[in-house]
Amino acid sequence: MNNNIKKFVEEYCKKCKEPCEKGIVETIDQVKCIDRDISINKEEYSDIFLLRKILMKLNISANLEGYHYILTAINILRKKRNEKTKIVDIYEIIGKRYNTTKTGVERAIRYAIIKSFSYNENLKLIYTKKPTNSSFIYDLAFNTDIFEQHFLNK
């Protein structure tokens, strides 16, 4: 089993009660679960893995609500790249998706960023003061190389 399929199975097959009957299929550009009709672009998937790695290095762990909201916000931003999208609109979209309020989303993201900024000295090399939610999310979405340089190449 190659790396893309292993990562896909680890991420998506945990939710399955039984092993796949038809299986996981890998094409040149996608990995797909036939049973659950889930597919993901390989390039997008490796990018999500990179973002998760960066968030973990920033001390933003998966047990924080803000972690999931940040990943979702980045995903939405990248998909709506050509549209003019306000961060408040993204909070609303995330709130509907996770069945919460937009202020709850904003608060959870802010908490994750504050926690990261207070516990991670390397983040202070990138930002001189605590970053706003929008600047942090935009940088993670479109300037990942800044974080890679400081956190993954050490």
C-alpha atoms as a PDB file:
ATOM      1  CA  MET A   1       0.000   0.000   0.000  1.00  0.00           C
ATOM      2  CA  ASN A   2       1.589   3.304  -1.038  1.00  0.00           C
ATOM      3  CA  ASN A   3       1.751   6.496   1.052  1.00  0.00           C
ATOM      4  CA  ASN A   4      -1.240   8.290  -0.520  1.00  0.00           C
ATOM      5  CA  ILE A   5      -3.524   5.327   0.076  1.00  0.00           C
ATOM      6  CA  LYS A   6      -2.210   4.836   3.644  1.00  0.00           C
ATOM      7  CA  LYS A   7      -2.855   8.498   4.488  1.00  0.00           C
ATOM      8  CA  PHE A   8      -6.307   8.362   2.897  1.00  0.00           C
ATOM      9  CA  VAL A   9      -7.255   5.199   4.808  1.00  0.00           C
ATOM     10  CA  GLU A  10      -5.979   6.644   8.107  1.00  0.00           C
ATOM     11  CA  GLU A  11      -7.976   9.831   7.610  1.00  0.00           C
ATOM     12  CA  TYR A  12     -11.247   8.657   6.074  1.00  0.00           C
ATOM     13  CA  CYS A  13     -11.662   4.978   6.858  1.00  0.00           C
ATOM     14  CA  LYS A  14     -11.779   5.472  10.621  1.00  0.00           C
ATOM     15  CA  LYS A  15     -15.404   6.470  10.178  1.00  0.00           C
ATOM     16  CA  CYS A  16     -16.291   3.195   8.468  1.00  0.00           C
ATOM     17  CA  LYS A  17     -17.732   0.468  10.666  1.00  0.00           C
ATOM     18  CA  GLU A  18     -16.603  -2.295   8.325  1.00  0.00           C
ATOM     19  CA  PRO A  19     -13.705  -2.654   5.886  1.00  0.00           C
ATOM     20  CA  CYS A  20     -14.419  -1.476   2.363  1.00  0.00           C
ATOM     21  CA  GLU A  21     -16.096  -4.047   0.183  1.00  0.00           C
ATOM     22  CA  LYS A  22     -15.154  -2.466  -3.113  1.00  0.00           C
ATOM     23  CA  GLY A  23     -11.995  -0.797  -1.837  1.00  0.00           C
ATOM     24  CA  ILE A  24      -9.812   2.199  -2.284  1.00  0.00           C
ATOM     25  CA  VAL A  25      -8.856   3.131  -5.822  1.00  0.00           C
ATOM     26  CA  GLU A  26      -5.934   5.324  -6.779  1.00  0.00           C
ATOM     27  CA  THR A  27      -5.726   7.092 -10.121  1.00  0.00           C
ATOM     28  CA  ILE A  28      -3.066   9.453 -11.431  1.00  0.00           C
ATOM     29  CA  ASP A  29      -4.570  12.481  -9.717  1.00  0.00           C
ATOM     30  CA  GLN A  30      -7.043  11.119  -7.114  1.00  0.00           C
ATOM     31  CA  VAL A  31      -7.547   8.625  -4.306  1.00  0.00           C
ATOM     32  CA  LYS A  32     -11.138   7.401  -3.977  1.00  0.00           C
ATOM     33  CA  CYS A  33     -13.169   5.205  -1.637  1.00  0.00           C
ATOM     34  CA  ILE A  34     -15.767   3.468  -3.765  1.00  0.00           C
ATOM     35  CA  ASP A  35     -18.019   2.443  -0.829  1.00  0.00           C
ATOM     36  CA  ARG A  36     -18.410   5.907   0.667  1.00  0.00           C
ATOM     37  CA  ASP A  37     -18.044   7.780  -2.631  1.00  0.00           C
ATOM     38  CA  ILE A  38     -15.301  10.026  -1.251  1.00  0.00           C
ATOM     39  CA  SER A  39     -12.475  11.217  -3.430  1.00  0.00           C
ATOM     40  CA  ILE A  40      -9.707  13.706  -2.947  1.00  0.00           C
ATOM     41  CA  ASN A  41      -7.183  15.290  -5.260  1.00  0.00           C
ATOM     42  CA  LYS A  42      -3.671  14.014  -4.422  1.00  0.00           C
ATOM     43  CA  GLU A  43      -2.105  17.462  -4.640  1.00  0.00           C
ATOM     44  CA  GLU A  44      -4.770  18.941  -2.360  1.00  0.00           C
ATOM     45  CA  TYR A  45      -4.379  16.037   0.056  1.00  0.00           C
ATOM     46  CA  SER A  46      -0.613  16.432   0.423  1.00  0.00           C
ATOM     47  CA  ASP A  47      -1.183  20.152   1.002  1.00  0.00           C
ATOM     48  CA  ILE A  48      -3.674  19.406   3.795  1.00  0.00           C
ATOM     49  CA  PHE A  49      -1.083  17.128   5.384  1.00  0.00           C
ATOM     50  CA  LEU A  50       1.486  19.940   5.251  1.00  0.00           C
ATOM     51  CA  LEU A  51      -0.967  22.360   6.908  1.00  0.00           C
ATOM     52  CA  ARG A  52      -1.705  19.871   9.668  1.00  0.00           C
ATOM     53  CA  LYS A  53       2.007  19.417  10.273  1.00  0.00           C
ATOM     54  CA  ILE A  54       2.478  23.203  10.494  1.00  0.00           C
ATOM     55  CA  LEU A  55      -0.458  23.592  12.911  1.00  0.00           C
ATOM     56  CA  MET A  56       0.989  20.882  15.153  1.00  0.00           C
ATOM     57  CA  LYS A  57       4.372  22.653  15.154  1.00  0.00           C
ATOM     58  CA  LEU A  58       2.513  25.829  16.143  1.00  0.00           C
ATOM     59  CA  ASN A  59       1.031  23.994  19.168  1.00  0.00           C
ATOM     60  CA  ILE A  60      -2.449  24.116  17.662  1.00  0.00           C
ATOM     61  CA  SER A  61      -3.559  20.548  18.247  1.00  0.00           C
ATOM     62  CA  ALA A  62      -6.478  18.671  16.738  1.00  0.00           C
ATOM     63  CA  ASN A  63      -8.353  18.632  20.036  1.00  0.00           C
ATOM     64  CA  LEU A  64      -8.991  22.387  19.711  1.00  0.00           C
ATOM     65  CA  GLU A  65     -12.101  23.463  17.848  1.00  0.00           C
ATOM     66  CA  GLY A  66     -10.071  26.273  16.307  1.00  0.00           C
ATOM     67  CA  TYR A  67      -7.804  23.725  14.606  1.00  0.00           C
ATOM     68  CA  HIS A  68     -10.660  22.326  12.527  1.00  0.00           C
ATOM     69  CA  TYR A  69     -12.100  25.766  11.851  1.00  0.00           C
ATOM     70  CA  ILE A  70      -8.714  27.041  10.641  1.00  0.00           C
ATOM     71  CA  LEU A  71      -8.318  24.105   8.239  1.00  0.00           C
ATOM     72  CA  THR A  72     -11.859  24.602   6.955  1.00  0.00           C
ATOM     73  CA  ALA A  73     -11.313  28.357   6.546  1.00  0.00           C
ATOM     74  CA  ILE A  74      -8.146  27.742   4.531  1.00  0.00           C
ATOM     75  CA  ASN A  75      -9.989  25.254   2.344  1.00  0.00           C
ATOM     76  CA  ILE A  76     -12.829  27.719   1.711  1.00  0.00           C
ATOM     77  CA  LEU A  77     -10.408  30.561   0.982  1.00  0.00           C
ATOM     78  CA  ARG A  78      -8.485  28.520  -1.545  1.00  0.00           C
ATOM     79  CA  LYS A  79     -11.646  27.401  -3.310  1.00  0.00           C
ATOM     80  CA  LYS A  80     -12.942  30.976  -3.457  1.00  0.00           C
ATOM     81  CA  ARG A  81      -9.559  32.403  -4.415  1.00  0.00           C
ATOM     82  CA  ASN A  82     -10.888  34.465  -7.321  1.00  0.00           C
ATOM     83  CA  GLU A  83     -13.890  35.778  -5.394  1.00  0.00           C
ATOM     84  CA  LYS A  84     -13.685  38.609  -2.915  1.00  0.00           C
ATOM     85  CA  THR A  85     -14.393  36.798   0.339  1.00  0.00           C
ATOM     86  CA  LYS A  86     -14.458  38.410   3.780  1.00  0.00           C
ATOM     87  CA  ILE A  87     -13.325  36.439   6.782  1.00  0.00           C
ATOM     88  CA  VAL A  88     -16.705  37.135   8.431  1.00  0.00           C
ATOM     89  CA  ASP A  89     -18.438  35.356   5.541  1.00  0.00           C
ATOM     90  CA  ILE A  90     -16.138  32.402   6.078  1.00  0.00           C
ATOM     91  CA  TYR A  91     -17.034  32.299   9.793  1.00  0.00           C
ATOM     92  CA  GLU A  92     -20.681  32.110   8.803  1.00  0.00           C
ATOM     93  CA  ILE A  93     -20.059  29.257   6.341  1.00  0.00           C
ATOM     94  CA  ILE A  94     -18.041  27.341   8.935  1.00  0.00           C
ATOM     95  CA  GLY A  95     -20.683  28.001  11.591  1.00  0.00           C
ATOM     96  CA  LYS A  96     -23.373  26.460   9.397  1.00  0.00           C
ATOM     97  CA  ARG A  97     -21.158  23.490   8.558  1.00  0.00           C
ATOM     98  CA  TYR A  98     -20.319  22.769  12.207  1.00  0.00           C
ATOM     99  CA  ASN A  99     -23.727  23.812  13.569  1.00  0.00           C
ATOM    100  CA  THR A 100     -22.458  26.729  15.650  1.00  0.00           C
ATOM    101  CA  THR A 101     -22.475  30.535  15.518  1.00  0.00           C
ATOM    102  CA  LYS A 102     -20.050  32.688  13.562  1.00  0.00           C
ATOM    103  CA  THR A 103     -18.927  34.339  16.816  1.00  0.00           C
ATOM    104  CA  GLY A 104     -18.190  30.890  18.251  1.00  0.00           C
ATOM    105  CA  VAL A 105     -16.052  30.113  15.205  1.00  0.00           C
ATOM    106  CA  GLU A 106     -14.212  33.433  15.480  1.00  0.00           C
ATOM    107  CA  ARG A 107     -13.615  32.917  19.211  1.00  0.00           C
ATOM    108  CA  ALA A 108     -12.303  29.358  18.773  1.00  0.00           C
ATOM    109  CA  ILE A 109      -9.873  30.451  16.053  1.00  0.00           C
ATOM    110  CA  ARG A 110      -8.721  33.429  18.131  1.00  0.00           C
ATOM    111  CA  TYR A 111      -8.159  31.155  21.156  1.00  0.00           C
ATOM    112  CA  ALA A 112      -6.035  28.746  19.069  1.00  0.00           C
ATOM    113  CA  ILE A 113      -3.921  31.627  17.736  1.00  0.00           C
ATOM    114  CA  ILE A 114      -3.463  33.217  21.186  1.00  0.00           C
ATOM    115  CA  LYS A 115      -2.487  29.862  22.669  1.00  0.00           C
ATOM    116  CA  SER A 116      -0.006  29.267  19.881  1.00  0.00           C
ATOM    117  CA  PHE A 117       1.465  32.764  20.121  1.00  0.00           C
ATOM    118  CA  SER A 118       1.942  32.561  23.875  1.00  0.00           C
ATOM    119  CA  TYR A 119       3.545  29.086  23.859  1.00  0.00           C
ATOM    120  CA  ASN A 120       5.579  29.204  20.660  1.00  0.00           C
ATOM    121  CA  GLU A 121       8.643  31.444  20.521  1.00  0.00           C
ATOM    122  CA  ASN A 122       9.223  30.701  16.822  1.00  0.00           C
ATOM    123  CA  LEU A 123       5.869  32.225  15.917  1.00  0.00           C
ATOM    124  CA  LYS A 124       7.158  35.498  17.352  1.00  0.00           C
ATOM    125  CA  LEU A 125       9.831  35.455  14.635  1.00  0.00           C
ATOM    126  CA  ILE A 126       7.086  35.617  12.010  1.00  0.00           C
ATOM    127  CA  TYR A 127       4.713  37.978  13.819  1.00  0.00           C
ATOM    128  CA  THR A 128       5.997  40.727  16.114  1.00  0.00           C
ATOM    129  CA  LYS A 129       2.612  40.941  17.836  1.00  0.00           C
ATOM    130  CA  LYS A 130      -0.313  38.524  18.055  1.00  0.00           C
ATOM    131  CA  PRO A 131      -1.678  38.102  14.521  1.00  0.00           C
ATOM    132  CA  THR A 132      -5.317  38.762  13.725  1.00  0.00           C
ATOM    133  CA  ASN A 133      -7.429  35.782  12.737  1.00  0.00           C
ATOM    134  CA  SER A 134      -7.631  36.931   9.136  1.00  0.00           C
ATOM    135  CA  SER A 135      -3.894  37.611   8.695  1.00  0.00           C
ATOM    136  CA  PHE A 136      -3.013  34.254  10.262  1.00  0.00           C
ATOM    137  CA  ILE A 137      -5.496  32.330   8.103  1.00  0.00           C
ATOM    138  CA  TYR A 138      -4.517  34.177   4.906  1.00  0.00           C
ATOM    139  CA  ASP A 139      -0.825  33.517   5.595  1.00  0.00           C
ATOM    140  CA  LEU A 140      -1.483  29.826   6.193  1.00  0.00           C
ATOM    141  CA  ALA A 141      -3.603  29.647   3.046  1.00  0.00           C
ATOM    142  CA  PHE A 142      -1.377  31.545   0.647  1.00  0.00           C
ATOM    143  CA  ASN A 143       2.056  32.018   2.260  1.00  0.00           C
ATOM    144  CA  THR A 144       2.742  28.579   3.672  1.00  0.00           C
ATOM    145  CA  ASP A 145       6.403  28.899   2.745  1.00  0.00           C
ATOM    146  CA  ILE A 146       6.883  31.366   5.639  1.00  0.00           C
ATOM    147  CA  PHE A 147       5.821  28.701   8.121  1.00  0.00           C
ATOM    148  CA  GLU A 148       7.675  25.905   6.333  1.00  0.00           C
ATOM    149  CA  GLN A 149      10.870  27.924   6.524  1.00  0.00           C
ATOM    150  CA  HIS A 150      10.581  28.498  10.278  1.00  0.00           C
ATOM    151  CA  PHE A 151       9.032  25.233  11.456  1.00  0.00           C
ATOM    152  CA  LEU A 152       9.655  22.375   9.054  1.00  0.00           C
ATOM    153  CA  ASN A 153      13.191  22.983   7.823  1.00  0.00           C
ATOM    154  CA  LYS A 154      14.845  22.753  11.233  1.00  0.00           C
END
